[in-house]
Amino acid sequence: MAQKGVQLDRETFSCSICLDLLKDPVTIPCGHSYCRNCIKGFWDGEDQKGIHSCPQCRKTFIPRPVLEKSTMLAALVEQLKKTGLQAAPADHCYAGAEDVACDFCSGRKLKAIKSCLVCLASYCEKHLQPHYDSPPFRKHKLVEPSKNLQENICSGHDEVMKMFCRTDQKSICYLCSVEEHKGHDTVSAAAERTERQRELEGSRQQIQQRVQDREKDVKLLQQEVEAINQSADKTVEHSEKIFTELIRLLQKRSSEVKQQIRSQQETEVSRVKELQEKLEQEITELQRKDAELQQLSDTEDHTQFLQNCPSVSALRESTPSSSIKIRPLRHFEAVTAAVSELREKLQDILREEWTNISLRVTEVDVLLQEPEPEPESRADFLKYSCEIKLDPNTANRELLLSEGNRKVTRMDQLQSYSDHPDRFTGYSQVLSRESLTGRCYWEVEMRGEGVGVAVAYKNISRAGGGTECRFGFNDKSWALYCDPDSYSFIYNSMETSISGPASSRVGVYLDHRAGILSFYRVSGTMTLLHRVQTRFTQPLYAGIRFYYSYSDGATAELCKVE
């Protein structure tokens, strides 16, 4: 019966949150008692809700109650402690499947709080006490609880491995050092730990410095994110304002044209109606005179007739011929044509400038990183290979496309291509369908003489035989012209001669962002022919040109490289 009373006391004076004896007990308004820190921590978690509750009965309190110490409970708990009655271990004090259990507990084992590297055992708080009280145990090495203590035992000699073999880089016991590891560079495990600890600290310092550096970088990047967002928002705002102003301007001009047309319409209609009224009045007068003449004509009295009949000349003067001339199709059709012409001009401007605007957007690059190295081997170049096809709408009529628009042949007969504003009319040239940005690589296989490999902006001129259309002879295109025994690179009509045997295959490498354009002779090896370092302001397009009049039958093919 006495034992049952003790058990009752334990339950009565335990905190339902930590399941231990009450520490600094407080009683809340509903009558339940808790450790001050336990209920304080529980309510701290409910502060955001604004309502605080009792963990047992769930009664709520607004506002948060002030905690007052329960003097009576505190005195009773202290009396229990003096009598030696301790609270039974709570469930969370017992070892679970993932915990390290005390090796000396019988029955249900408690969680270990330390492991001893000398005893190779783990202890709960109670069984660990001798390591603190007994002098022989005080020299033992205590560590955080570990399940791997048996790994410290040598499997061959069943001894604790207190040595380390630097030759074989493994932990060994003393017997190992005088047997199979005899003659090896061996030290105590503590000495090796000290050395590695020093190296570890050095590594940690480096890591910590890198962490600090990266934290600075992160802060800079965060600032850059804010700057990008602010710049983008400001640019969007300004762009919308500008486009809104353009729309308003067009609407204003539309209203003005409409008003002019209606005003002119009113003027012209008024003039026509005024003349129409005059003519109608004249018709009425003429009809009246005709009736009078008809009446005179019907008179049987010859004398009366002759006296009242006007002269023939007077009759002719009173009937003038019509002077009205209508100009057909000269109303407002010319205005429609002028507005249509304006629309075409605006569309051309928008089409040309839109590429520049888009490129300015894609050129935004705030990360100041080191550029990637240029490829060296052909395998490196092939990592950036891209599939390119030629655009039939750009092909001169002397060119025939085949092989899925990857191959072009110079023909002696004109092809029946339809008219297109993108078509080259004066030179045997063609551009790719795909635009090229980023890092790209492609190869061109050539047969015959007079083949040029080029890149160009989309807004290069197309019509006529001027230099503004010819690859390499303007500031919108770069071209490598291939002869049997030499090459020539041309940009903006400036020519650079390149000696050396020609190859049937030329490789082109483009790093648009870095402004690098390189041409290579592809044979057994990659040989650099010419390299351009510039700043590209628009996406580029691959081009082919046949530049000899006798190049009929010559071909160039954009290769499928793997």
Protein backbone atom coordinates (compact mmCIF):
# COMPACT_ATOMS: atom_id res chain seq x y z
CA MET A 1 0.00 0.00 0.00
CA ALA A 2 2.88 2.32 0.81
CA GLN A 3 4.41 1.64 -2.61
CA LYS A 4 1.10 2.49 -4.28
CA GLY A 5 1.02 5.82 -2.41
CA VAL A 6 4.54 6.62 -3.58
CA GLN A 7 3.54 5.89 -7.17
CA LEU A 8 0.57 8.22 -6.73
CA ASP A 9 2.86 10.95 -5.45
CA ARG A 10 5.14 10.55 -8.47
CA GLU A 11 2.26 10.97 -10.90
CA THR A 12 0.74 13.82 -8.92
CA PHE A 13 3.92 15.88 -8.85
CA SER A 14 5.05 15.23 -12.43
CA CYS A 15 4.83 17.74 -15.29
CA SER A 16 2.60 16.44 -18.09
CA ILE A 17 4.84 18.15 -20.67
CA CYS A 18 8.32 16.86 -19.72
CA LEU A 19 7.01 13.83 -17.71
CA ASP A 20 9.54 14.59 -14.97
CA LEU A 21 9.19 15.96 -11.44
CA LEU A 22 8.00 19.55 -11.42
CA LYS A 23 10.79 22.11 -11.58
CA ASP A 24 9.92 25.64 -10.44
CA PRO A 25 6.20 24.65 -10.51
CA VAL A 26 3.52 27.14 -11.58
CA THR A 27 -0.26 26.74 -11.63
CA ILE A 28 -2.30 28.24 -14.46
CA PRO A 29 -5.91 29.57 -14.13
CA CYS A 30 -7.56 26.23 -14.97
CA GLY A 31 -5.81 24.59 -11.98
CA HIS A 32 -3.20 22.43 -13.79
CA SER A 33 0.44 22.76 -12.86
CA TYR A 34 3.60 22.64 -14.97
CA CYS A 35 7.29 23.39 -14.86
CA ARG A 36 7.70 27.11 -15.50
CA ASN A 37 9.99 26.59 -18.50
CA CYS A 38 7.74 23.84 -19.94
CA ILE A 39 4.53 25.90 -20.01
CA LYS A 40 6.45 29.02 -21.01
CA GLY A 41 7.91 27.21 -24.03
CA PHE A 42 4.49 25.77 -24.90
CA TRP A 43 2.83 29.18 -24.84
CA ASP A 44 5.69 30.79 -26.76
CA GLY A 45 4.69 28.53 -29.63
CA GLU A 46 1.08 29.80 -29.40
CA ASP A 47 1.96 33.51 -29.34
CA GLN A 48 1.25 33.91 -33.07
CA LYS A 49 -2.30 32.62 -32.58
CA GLY A 50 -3.01 35.17 -29.83
CA ILE A 51 -4.83 32.47 -27.82
CA HIS A 52 -3.12 30.36 -25.16
CA SER A 53 -4.42 27.01 -23.91
CA CYS A 54 -3.86 24.35 -21.25
CA PRO A 55 -2.05 21.30 -22.70
CA GLN A 56 -4.28 18.98 -20.63
CA CYS A 57 -7.84 20.37 -20.59
CA ARG A 58 -7.40 22.68 -23.63
CA LYS A 59 -9.06 25.61 -21.87
CA THR A 60 -8.07 28.86 -23.59
CA PHE A 61 -6.93 32.15 -22.06
CA ILE A 62 -6.92 35.68 -23.47
CA PRO A 63 -4.64 37.42 -22.79
CA ARG A 64 -1.66 35.20 -21.92
CA PRO A 65 -1.76 34.56 -18.13
CA VAL A 66 1.05 35.77 -15.92
CA LEU A 67 2.88 32.80 -14.37
CA GLU A 68 3.12 32.81 -10.61
CA LYS A 69 5.20 30.30 -8.66
CA SER A 70 3.20 27.63 -6.79
CA THR A 71 4.88 27.83 -3.37
CA MET A 72 3.08 24.78 -1.92
CA LEU A 73 3.90 22.52 -4.87
CA ALA A 74 7.51 23.68 -4.84
CA ALA A 75 7.80 22.77 -1.16
CA LEU A 76 6.22 19.34 -1.69
CA VAL A 77 8.52 18.55 -4.63
CA GLU A 78 11.58 19.51 -2.56
CA GLN A 79 10.35 17.27 0.27
CA LEU A 80 9.95 14.36 -2.20
CA LYS A 81 13.50 14.90 -3.44
CA LYS A 82 14.86 14.85 0.13
CA THR A 83 13.14 11.54 0.83
CA GLY A 84 14.87 10.06 -2.22
CA LEU A 85 11.73 9.55 -4.28
CA GLN A 86 12.46 10.37 -7.92
CA ALA A 87 10.10 10.36 -10.79
CA ALA A 88 10.02 7.22 -12.85
CA PRO A 89 11.82 7.60 -16.16
CA ALA A 90 9.55 8.93 -18.82
CA ASP A 91 9.02 6.90 -21.98
CA HIS A 92 11.25 9.20 -23.97
CA CYS A 93 14.17 8.32 -21.60
CA TYR A 94 14.16 4.67 -22.74
CA ALA A 95 16.24 3.64 -25.74
CA GLY A 96 14.44 3.22 -29.01
CA ALA A 97 15.47 1.44 -32.20
CA GLU A 98 17.57 4.39 -33.35
CA ASP A 99 19.11 5.14 -29.95
CA VAL A 100 22.25 3.81 -28.23
CA ALA A 101 21.16 1.72 -25.24
CA CYS A 102 22.94 1.49 -21.90
CA ASP A 103 24.94 -1.77 -21.79
CA PHE A 104 24.47 -2.15 -17.99
CA CYS A 105 20.70 -1.66 -17.68
CA SER A 106 18.68 -4.76 -17.05
CA GLY A 107 15.20 -5.18 -18.39
CA ARG A 108 14.07 -2.18 -20.41
CA LYS A 109 17.25 -0.23 -21.19
CA LEU A 110 17.64 3.52 -20.85
CA LYS A 111 19.29 5.75 -23.42
CA ALA A 112 23.06 5.99 -23.11
CA ILE A 113 24.41 9.49 -22.56
CA LYS A 114 28.11 8.58 -23.03
CA SER A 115 30.25 5.81 -24.51
CA CYS A 116 33.66 4.86 -23.06
CA LEU A 117 36.46 4.15 -25.53
CA VAL A 118 38.40 2.21 -22.88
CA CYS A 119 35.56 0.07 -21.57
CA LEU A 120 34.04 -0.12 -25.06
CA ALA A 121 30.62 0.21 -23.46
CA SER A 122 27.83 2.77 -23.32
CA TYR A 123 26.20 4.09 -20.13
CA CYS A 124 23.06 5.82 -19.00
CA GLU A 125 23.33 8.63 -16.44
CA LYS A 126 23.05 6.30 -13.45
CA HIS A 127 25.58 3.69 -14.62
CA LEU A 128 27.98 6.37 -15.86
CA GLN A 129 28.40 7.81 -12.36
CA PRO A 130 31.37 5.52 -11.41
CA HIS A 131 33.37 7.07 -14.24
CA TYR A 132 33.03 10.37 -12.40
CA ASP A 133 33.38 9.07 -8.81
CA SER A 134 36.08 6.36 -9.07
CA PRO A 135 39.68 7.55 -9.72
CA PRO A 136 40.63 4.58 -12.00
CA PHE A 137 37.69 5.39 -14.31
CA ARG A 138 38.38 9.12 -14.49
CA LYS A 139 41.18 8.56 -17.03
CA HIS A 140 38.84 6.79 -19.42
CA LYS A 141 37.91 8.56 -22.64
CA LEU A 142 34.21 9.40 -22.72
CA VAL A 143 32.55 10.32 -26.04
CA GLU A 144 29.04 10.86 -27.36
CA PRO A 145 26.99 7.64 -27.48
CA SER A 146 28.15 5.41 -30.34
CA LYS A 147 26.87 2.17 -31.81
CA ASN A 148 30.21 1.50 -33.52
CA LEU A 149 32.39 0.75 -30.48
CA GLN A 150 33.10 -2.79 -31.67
CA GLU A 151 34.78 -1.35 -34.74
CA ASN A 152 37.57 -0.23 -32.37
CA ILE A 153 38.43 -3.90 -31.67
CA CYS A 154 41.05 -5.61 -33.85
CA SER A 155 39.39 -8.58 -35.52
CA GLY A 156 42.67 -10.55 -35.54
CA HIS A 157 43.82 -10.05 -31.96
CA ASP A 158 40.65 -8.96 -30.14
CA GLU A 159 42.50 -5.93 -28.79
CA VAL A 160 41.61 -2.25 -28.78
CA MET A 161 43.12 -0.55 -31.83
CA LYS A 162 45.21 2.23 -30.27
CA MET A 163 47.76 2.44 -33.10
CA PHE A 164 47.64 3.75 -36.67
CA CYS A 165 49.66 2.47 -39.63
CA ARG A 166 50.49 5.37 -41.92
CA THR A 167 51.93 2.95 -44.48
CA ASP A 168 48.62 1.13 -44.95
CA GLN A 169 46.46 4.02 -43.71
CA LYS A 170 44.49 1.92 -41.24
CA SER A 171 43.91 1.56 -37.50
CA ILE A 172 45.72 -1.35 -35.82
CA CYS A 173 46.31 -2.78 -32.34
CA TYR A 174 49.67 -3.06 -30.58
CA LEU A 175 50.13 -6.72 -31.63
CA CYS A 176 49.53 -5.76 -35.28
CA SER A 177 52.38 -3.23 -35.06
CA VAL A 178 54.88 -5.98 -34.08
CA GLU A 179 53.56 -8.64 -36.44
CA GLU A 180 52.06 -8.03 -39.91
CA HIS A 181 52.74 -4.25 -39.72
CA LYS A 182 56.28 -4.63 -38.41
CA GLY A 183 58.62 -2.13 -40.08
CA HIS A 184 55.73 0.10 -41.16
CA ASP A 185 55.40 3.73 -40.21
CA THR A 186 53.20 3.37 -37.14
CA VAL A 187 52.18 5.92 -34.53
CA SER A 188 49.68 6.06 -31.73
CA ALA A 189 46.09 6.75 -32.73
CA ALA A 190 46.23 9.89 -30.54
CA ALA A 191 49.30 11.20 -32.43
CA GLU A 192 47.68 10.53 -35.79
CA ARG A 193 44.49 12.17 -34.55
CA THR A 194 46.49 15.23 -33.46
CA GLU A 195 48.13 15.48 -36.90
CA ARG A 196 44.90 15.00 -38.77
CA GLN A 197 43.11 17.29 -36.38
CA ARG A 198 45.62 19.98 -37.33
CA GLU A 199 44.98 19.31 -41.02
CA LEU A 200 41.27 19.24 -40.35
CA GLU A 201 41.41 22.61 -38.62
CA GLY A 202 43.30 24.00 -41.59
CA SER A 203 40.63 22.62 -43.92
CA ARG A 204 37.91 24.01 -41.69
CA GLN A 205 39.53 27.43 -41.76
CA GLN A 206 39.64 27.28 -45.53
CA ILE A 207 36.03 26.15 -45.64
CA GLN A 208 34.97 28.85 -43.20
CA GLN A 209 36.82 31.44 -45.28
CA ARG A 210 35.09 30.15 -48.39
CA VAL A 211 31.78 30.29 -46.53
CA GLN A 212 32.46 33.93 -45.65
CA ASP A 213 33.45 34.64 -49.24
CA ARG A 214 30.36 32.88 -50.55
CA GLU A 215 28.17 34.73 -48.06
CA LYS A 216 29.60 37.99 -49.40
CA ASP A 217 28.93 36.73 -52.93
CA VAL A 218 25.38 35.77 -51.95
CA LYS A 219 24.85 39.25 -50.50
CA LEU A 220 26.20 40.82 -53.68
CA LEU A 221 23.99 38.55 -55.77
CA GLN A 222 20.98 39.48 -53.65
CA GLN A 223 21.79 43.14 -54.19
CA GLU A 224 22.16 42.39 -57.90
CA VAL A 225 18.79 40.63 -57.93
CA GLU A 226 17.24 43.74 -56.41
CA ALA A 227 19.05 45.93 -58.94
CA ILE A 228 17.91 43.69 -61.83
CA ASN A 229 14.32 43.74 -60.60
CA GLN A 230 14.37 47.51 -60.16
CA SER A 231 15.97 48.02 -63.59
CA ALA A 232 13.53 45.60 -65.24
CA ASP A 233 10.52 47.20 -63.54
CA LYS A 234 11.72 50.67 -64.50
CA THR A 235 12.40 49.59 -68.08
CA VAL A 236 8.99 47.90 -68.36
CA GLU A 237 7.36 51.05 -67.00
CA HIS A 238 9.22 53.27 -69.46
CA SER A 239 8.60 50.88 -72.36
CA GLU A 240 4.88 50.77 -71.61
CA LYS A 241 4.86 54.56 -71.36
CA ILE A 242 6.64 54.92 -74.71
CA PHE A 243 4.40 52.37 -76.45
CA THR A 244 1.35 54.04 -74.90
CA GLU A 245 2.53 57.38 -76.26
CA LEU A 246 3.05 55.80 -79.69
CA ILE A 247 -0.44 54.33 -79.57
CA ARG A 248 -1.87 57.70 -78.51
CA LEU A 249 0.07 59.40 -81.31
CA LEU A 250 -1.28 56.92 -83.86
CA GLN A 251 -4.79 57.34 -82.45
CA LYS A 252 -4.39 61.12 -82.62
CA ARG A 253 -3.17 60.94 -86.22
CA SER A 254 -5.99 58.54 -87.02
CA SER A 255 -8.48 61.00 -85.52
CA GLU A 256 -6.91 63.89 -87.46
CA VAL A 257 -7.04 61.96 -90.74
CA LYS A 258 -10.63 60.99 -90.02
CA GLN A 259 -11.49 64.62 -89.23
CA GLN A 260 -9.75 65.86 -92.41
CA ILE A 261 -11.54 63.28 -94.50
CA ARG A 262 -14.92 64.18 -93.01
CA SER A 263 -14.25 67.91 -93.42
CA GLN A 264 -13.20 67.46 -97.03
CA GLN A 265 -16.16 65.14 -97.53
CA GLU A 266 -18.50 67.84 -96.23
CA THR A 267 -16.89 70.51 -98.41
CA GLU A 268 -17.02 68.45 -101.59
CA VAL A 269 -20.55 67.22 -100.94
CA SER A 270 -21.65 70.83 -100.28
CA ARG A 271 -20.08 71.98 -103.56
CA VAL A 272 -21.72 69.17 -105.48
CA LYS A 273 -25.11 69.76 -103.87
CA GLU A 274 -24.87 73.52 -104.53
CA LEU A 275 -24.20 72.86 -108.18
CA GLN A 276 -26.90 70.21 -108.17
CA GLU A 277 -29.46 72.76 -106.86
CA LYS A 278 -28.45 75.26 -109.54
CA LEU A 279 -28.87 72.65 -112.21
CA GLU A 280 -32.24 71.61 -110.82
CA GLN A 281 -33.35 75.27 -110.85
CA GLU A 282 -32.15 75.57 -114.42
CA ILE A 283 -34.05 72.42 -115.34
CA THR A 284 -37.20 73.90 -113.81
CA GLU A 285 -36.74 77.15 -115.77
CA LEU A 286 -36.04 75.28 -118.98
CA GLN A 287 -39.09 73.09 -118.50
CA ARG A 288 -41.21 76.29 -117.97
CA LYS A 289 -39.85 77.81 -121.16
CA ASP A 290 -40.41 74.58 -123.03
CA ALA A 291 -44.04 74.62 -121.93
CA GLU A 292 -44.45 78.21 -123.13
CA LEU A 293 -42.88 77.34 -126.49
CA GLN A 294 -45.14 74.30 -126.74
CA GLN A 295 -48.15 76.50 -126.11
CA LEU A 296 -46.95 78.98 -128.74
CA SER A 297 -46.33 76.15 -131.14
CA ASP A 298 -49.91 75.00 -130.73
CA THR A 299 -51.32 78.51 -131.60
CA GLU A 300 -53.32 78.47 -134.93
CA ASP A 301 -53.22 82.22 -135.39
CA HIS A 302 -50.21 82.87 -137.64
CA THR A 303 -49.98 86.54 -136.74
CA GLN A 304 -50.02 85.80 -133.01
CA PHE A 305 -47.40 83.10 -133.50
CA LEU A 306 -45.05 85.39 -135.40
CA GLN A 307 -45.41 88.23 -132.98
CA ASN A 308 -44.66 86.11 -129.92
CA CYS A 309 -42.07 83.73 -131.34
CA PRO A 310 -38.46 84.61 -130.38
CA SER A 311 -35.67 84.56 -132.94
CA VAL A 312 -33.77 81.33 -133.65
CA SER A 313 -30.50 82.88 -132.44
CA ALA A 314 -32.06 83.78 -129.10
CA LEU A 315 -33.27 80.22 -128.67
CA ARG A 316 -29.78 78.82 -129.29
CA GLU A 317 -28.14 81.20 -126.77
CA SER A 318 -30.54 80.19 -124.04
CA THR A 319 -29.61 76.50 -124.23
CA PRO A 320 -25.86 76.23 -123.39
CA SER A 321 -24.24 72.75 -123.41
CA SER A 322 -23.32 70.98 -120.17
CA SER A 323 -19.95 71.98 -118.57
CA ILE A 324 -19.90 69.38 -115.70
CA LYS A 325 -16.97 66.92 -115.83
CA ILE A 326 -16.70 64.11 -113.25
CA ARG A 327 -13.23 62.71 -112.45
CA PRO A 328 -13.85 59.04 -111.67
CA LEU A 329 -11.79 57.22 -108.97
CA ARG A 330 -10.40 60.48 -107.61
CA HIS A 331 -12.29 60.57 -104.37
CA PHE A 332 -10.42 59.36 -101.21
CA GLU A 333 -8.69 56.25 -102.60
CA ALA A 334 -5.36 58.09 -102.64
CA VAL A 335 -5.69 58.65 -98.88
CA THR A 336 -6.20 54.91 -98.35
CA ALA A 337 -3.10 54.21 -100.40
CA ALA A 338 -1.07 56.75 -98.39
CA VAL A 339 -2.21 55.25 -95.07
CA SER A 340 -1.39 51.75 -96.33
CA GLU A 341 2.06 52.95 -97.35
CA LEU A 342 2.54 54.38 -93.85
CA ARG A 343 1.51 51.06 -92.35
CA GLU A 344 4.07 49.20 -94.48
CA LYS A 345 6.81 51.62 -93.47
CA LEU A 346 5.94 51.28 -89.78
CA GLN A 347 5.91 47.49 -90.09
CA ASP A 348 9.34 47.56 -91.72
CA ILE A 349 10.69 49.79 -88.96
CA LEU A 350 9.20 47.59 -86.24
CA ARG A 351 10.55 44.44 -87.93
CA GLU A 352 14.06 45.88 -88.20
CA GLU A 353 14.17 47.44 -84.76
CA TRP A 354 12.49 44.55 -82.97
CA THR A 355 15.53 42.35 -83.52
CA ASN A 356 17.73 45.02 -82.00
CA ILE A 357 15.40 45.43 -79.01
CA SER A 358 15.25 41.65 -78.46
CA LEU A 359 19.03 41.41 -78.65
CA ARG A 360 19.46 44.21 -76.12
CA VAL A 361 17.24 42.21 -73.76
CA THR A 362 19.22 38.98 -74.22
CA GLU A 363 22.51 40.86 -73.85
CA VAL A 364 21.76 41.59 -70.20
CA ASP A 365 24.46 39.64 -68.36
CA VAL A 366 25.37 40.82 -64.88
CA LEU A 367 27.48 37.85 -63.75
CA LEU A 368 31.12 38.78 -64.12
CA GLN A 369 32.35 35.24 -64.58
CA GLU A 370 35.46 34.12 -66.38
CA PRO A 371 34.61 33.15 -69.98
CA GLU A 372 34.73 29.48 -70.79
CA PRO A 373 37.88 28.42 -72.64
CA GLU A 374 37.61 27.93 -76.38
CA PRO A 375 37.50 24.35 -77.62
CA GLU A 376 40.76 22.81 -78.77
CA SER A 377 40.10 19.39 -80.24
CA ARG A 378 37.44 18.55 -82.80
CA ALA A 379 35.67 16.51 -80.11
CA ASP A 380 35.49 19.68 -77.99
CA PHE A 381 34.04 21.63 -80.93
CA LEU A 382 31.46 18.94 -81.65
CA LYS A 383 29.98 19.49 -78.17
CA TYR A 384 28.58 22.74 -79.58
CA SER A 385 27.50 21.38 -82.97
CA CYS A 386 24.11 22.54 -84.16
CA GLU A 387 21.86 21.39 -86.97
CA ILE A 388 21.46 24.13 -89.56
CA LYS A 389 19.23 24.20 -92.63
CA LEU A 390 19.16 26.72 -95.45
CA ASP A 391 16.20 29.03 -95.98
CA PRO A 392 14.64 28.64 -99.48
CA ASN A 393 13.15 32.14 -99.22
CA THR A 394 16.67 33.63 -99.21
CA ALA A 395 18.18 31.50 -102.01
CA ASN A 396 19.20 33.23 -105.24
CA ARG A 397 17.46 31.74 -108.29
CA GLU A 398 20.79 30.30 -109.49
CA LEU A 399 20.87 27.99 -106.45
CA LEU A 400 19.21 24.61 -105.97
CA LEU A 401 18.59 23.33 -102.44
CA SER A 402 18.50 19.60 -101.64
CA GLU A 403 19.17 17.06 -98.88
CA GLY A 404 16.49 18.57 -96.67
CA ASN A 405 17.76 22.11 -97.40
CA ARG A 406 21.24 21.29 -96.09
CA LYS A 407 22.92 21.15 -99.52
CA VAL A 408 23.10 23.91 -102.14
CA THR A 409 24.24 23.60 -105.77
CA ARG A 410 25.08 26.39 -108.22
CA MET A 411 23.00 25.77 -111.39
CA ASP A 412 23.32 27.14 -114.94
CA GLN A 413 19.53 27.44 -115.16
CA LEU A 414 17.40 29.70 -113.02
CA GLN A 415 15.11 28.03 -110.49
CA SER A 416 11.39 28.85 -110.37
CA TYR A 417 11.35 30.38 -106.89
CA SER A 418 8.48 32.72 -106.06
CA ASP A 419 9.15 36.36 -105.28
CA HIS A 420 10.10 37.01 -101.69
CA PRO A 421 11.53 40.11 -99.97
CA ASP A 422 14.23 37.97 -98.27
CA ARG A 423 15.60 36.56 -101.54
CA PHE A 424 19.07 37.59 -102.79
CA THR A 425 18.63 38.84 -106.34
CA GLY A 426 22.12 40.00 -107.36
CA TYR A 427 24.44 37.36 -105.89
CA SER A 428 24.43 33.56 -105.69
CA GLN A 429 23.91 33.52 -101.94
CA VAL A 430 21.70 31.86 -99.36
CA LEU A 431 21.25 32.19 -95.58
CA SER A 432 20.27 29.67 -92.93
CA ARG A 433 16.77 29.41 -91.53
CA GLU A 434 17.99 29.24 -87.93
CA SER A 435 19.43 32.21 -86.06
CA LEU A 436 22.70 31.60 -84.21
CA THR A 437 23.35 32.82 -80.68
CA GLY A 438 25.34 31.40 -77.78
CA ARG A 439 28.09 28.90 -78.65
CA CYS A 440 27.64 27.13 -82.01
CA TYR A 441 29.77 24.99 -84.30
CA TRP A 442 29.05 23.72 -87.81
CA GLU A 443 30.99 22.31 -90.76
CA VAL A 444 30.62 22.92 -94.49
CA GLU A 445 31.70 20.31 -97.07
CA MET A 446 32.53 21.93 -100.44
CA ARG A 447 32.89 20.53 -103.96
CA GLY A 448 34.04 22.65 -106.90
CA GLU A 449 35.57 26.12 -106.96
CA GLY A 450 34.48 29.51 -105.72
CA VAL A 451 32.62 28.68 -102.52
CA GLY A 452 32.43 31.16 -99.66
CA VAL A 453 31.39 30.39 -96.07
CA ALA A 454 29.85 33.31 -94.20
CA VAL A 455 27.75 34.60 -91.33
CA ALA A 456 25.47 37.65 -91.59
CA TYR A 457 22.85 39.67 -89.79
CA LYS A 458 19.28 39.18 -90.94
CA ASN A 459 18.94 42.83 -91.99
CA ILE A 460 21.62 42.56 -94.68
CA SER A 461 20.30 44.00 -97.96
CA ARG A 462 18.90 41.47 -100.45
CA ALA A 463 17.97 43.25 -103.69
CA GLY A 464 20.49 44.25 -106.35
CA GLY A 465 24.21 43.81 -106.94
CA GLY A 466 25.68 46.41 -104.58
CA THR A 467 28.27 45.74 -101.90
CA GLU A 468 25.57 46.14 -99.25
CA CYS A 469 24.26 42.73 -100.36
CA ARG A 470 27.52 40.82 -100.90
CA PHE A 471 28.84 38.65 -98.06
CA GLY A 472 31.95 40.22 -96.53
CA PHE A 473 31.73 43.57 -98.31
CA ASN A 474 29.71 45.39 -95.65
CA ASP A 475 29.52 45.70 -91.87
CA LYS A 476 26.71 43.16 -91.62
CA SER A 477 28.52 40.03 -92.79
CA TRP A 478 31.79 38.11 -92.37
CA ALA A 479 33.00 35.72 -95.09
CA LEU A 480 35.80 33.19 -95.72
CA TYR A 481 36.35 32.64 -99.46
CA CYS A 482 38.00 29.31 -100.35
CA ASP A 483 40.30 28.90 -103.37
CA PRO A 484 42.22 25.72 -104.26
CA ASP A 485 45.51 26.95 -102.75
CA SER A 486 44.52 29.76 -100.38
CA TYR A 487 41.80 31.43 -98.37
CA SER A 488 40.63 35.04 -98.06
CA PHE A 489 38.74 36.51 -95.14
CA ILE A 490 36.72 39.63 -95.91
CA TYR A 491 34.80 41.96 -93.63
CA ASN A 492 33.49 45.41 -94.59
CA SER A 493 35.47 45.12 -97.88
CA MET A 494 38.75 44.65 -95.93
CA GLU A 495 40.53 41.49 -97.14
CA THR A 496 42.97 39.30 -95.22
CA SER A 497 44.87 36.71 -97.28
CA ILE A 498 45.46 33.33 -95.68
CA SER A 499 48.03 31.00 -97.26
CA GLY A 500 48.07 27.25 -97.05
CA PRO A 501 46.49 24.26 -98.78
CA ALA A 502 42.73 24.31 -98.92
CA SER A 503 40.52 21.61 -97.51
CA SER A 504 37.16 20.42 -98.76
CA ARG A 505 35.73 20.95 -95.28
CA VAL A 506 35.66 24.14 -93.22
CA GLY A 507 34.54 24.36 -89.58
CA VAL A 508 32.96 27.51 -88.15
CA TYR A 509 32.90 28.22 -84.40
CA LEU A 510 30.78 31.04 -82.99
CA ASP A 511 30.63 32.31 -79.41
CA HIS A 512 28.07 35.06 -79.86
CA ARG A 513 28.19 36.38 -76.30
CA ALA A 514 32.01 36.54 -76.26
CA GLY A 515 32.09 38.02 -79.78
CA ILE A 516 34.31 35.24 -81.18
CA LEU A 517 34.06 33.92 -84.74
CA SER A 518 36.67 31.36 -85.89
CA PHE A 519 37.16 29.47 -89.16
CA TYR A 520 39.04 26.16 -89.21
CA ARG A 521 40.42 23.86 -91.90
CA VAL A 522 39.12 20.39 -91.02
CA SER A 523 41.23 17.48 -92.18
CA GLY A 524 43.05 15.09 -89.90
CA THR A 525 43.39 17.93 -87.42
CA MET A 526 41.76 21.30 -86.75
CA THR A 527 43.82 24.18 -88.17
CA LEU A 528 42.79 27.73 -87.31
CA LEU A 529 42.47 29.84 -90.48
CA HIS A 530 41.16 33.11 -89.09
CA ARG A 531 39.73 34.37 -85.80
CA VAL A 532 37.54 37.43 -85.26
CA GLN A 533 37.09 39.18 -81.90
CA THR A 534 34.28 41.74 -82.05
CA ARG A 535 30.90 42.56 -80.55
CA PHE A 536 27.88 41.11 -82.28
CA THR A 537 24.80 43.30 -81.97
CA GLN A 538 22.25 40.94 -83.57
CA PRO A 539 21.69 37.20 -83.98
CA LEU A 540 23.72 35.76 -86.86
CA TYR A 541 22.74 33.46 -89.73
CA ALA A 542 25.02 31.01 -91.55
CA GLY A 543 25.57 31.82 -95.24
CA ILE A 544 26.92 30.23 -98.44
CA ARG A 545 28.04 32.12 -101.56
CA PHE A 546 29.30 31.01 -104.98
CA TYR A 547 31.51 33.81 -106.27
CA TYR A 548 32.88 32.59 -109.63
CA SER A 549 30.87 32.84 -112.83
CA TYR A 550 32.10 29.35 -113.74
CA SER A 551 31.06 27.85 -110.42
CA ASP A 552 28.15 25.98 -112.05
CA GLY A 553 27.93 22.53 -110.53
CA ALA A 554 29.79 23.50 -107.35
CA THR A 555 28.14 22.42 -104.11
CA ALA A 556 28.27 23.20 -100.42
CA GLU A 557 26.64 21.07 -97.74
CA LEU A 558 26.02 21.79 -94.06
CA CYS A 559 27.28 18.53 -92.57
CA LYS A 560 25.61 16.37 -89.96
CA VAL A 561 28.45 16.06 -87.46
CA GLU A 562 28.48 13.66 -84.53
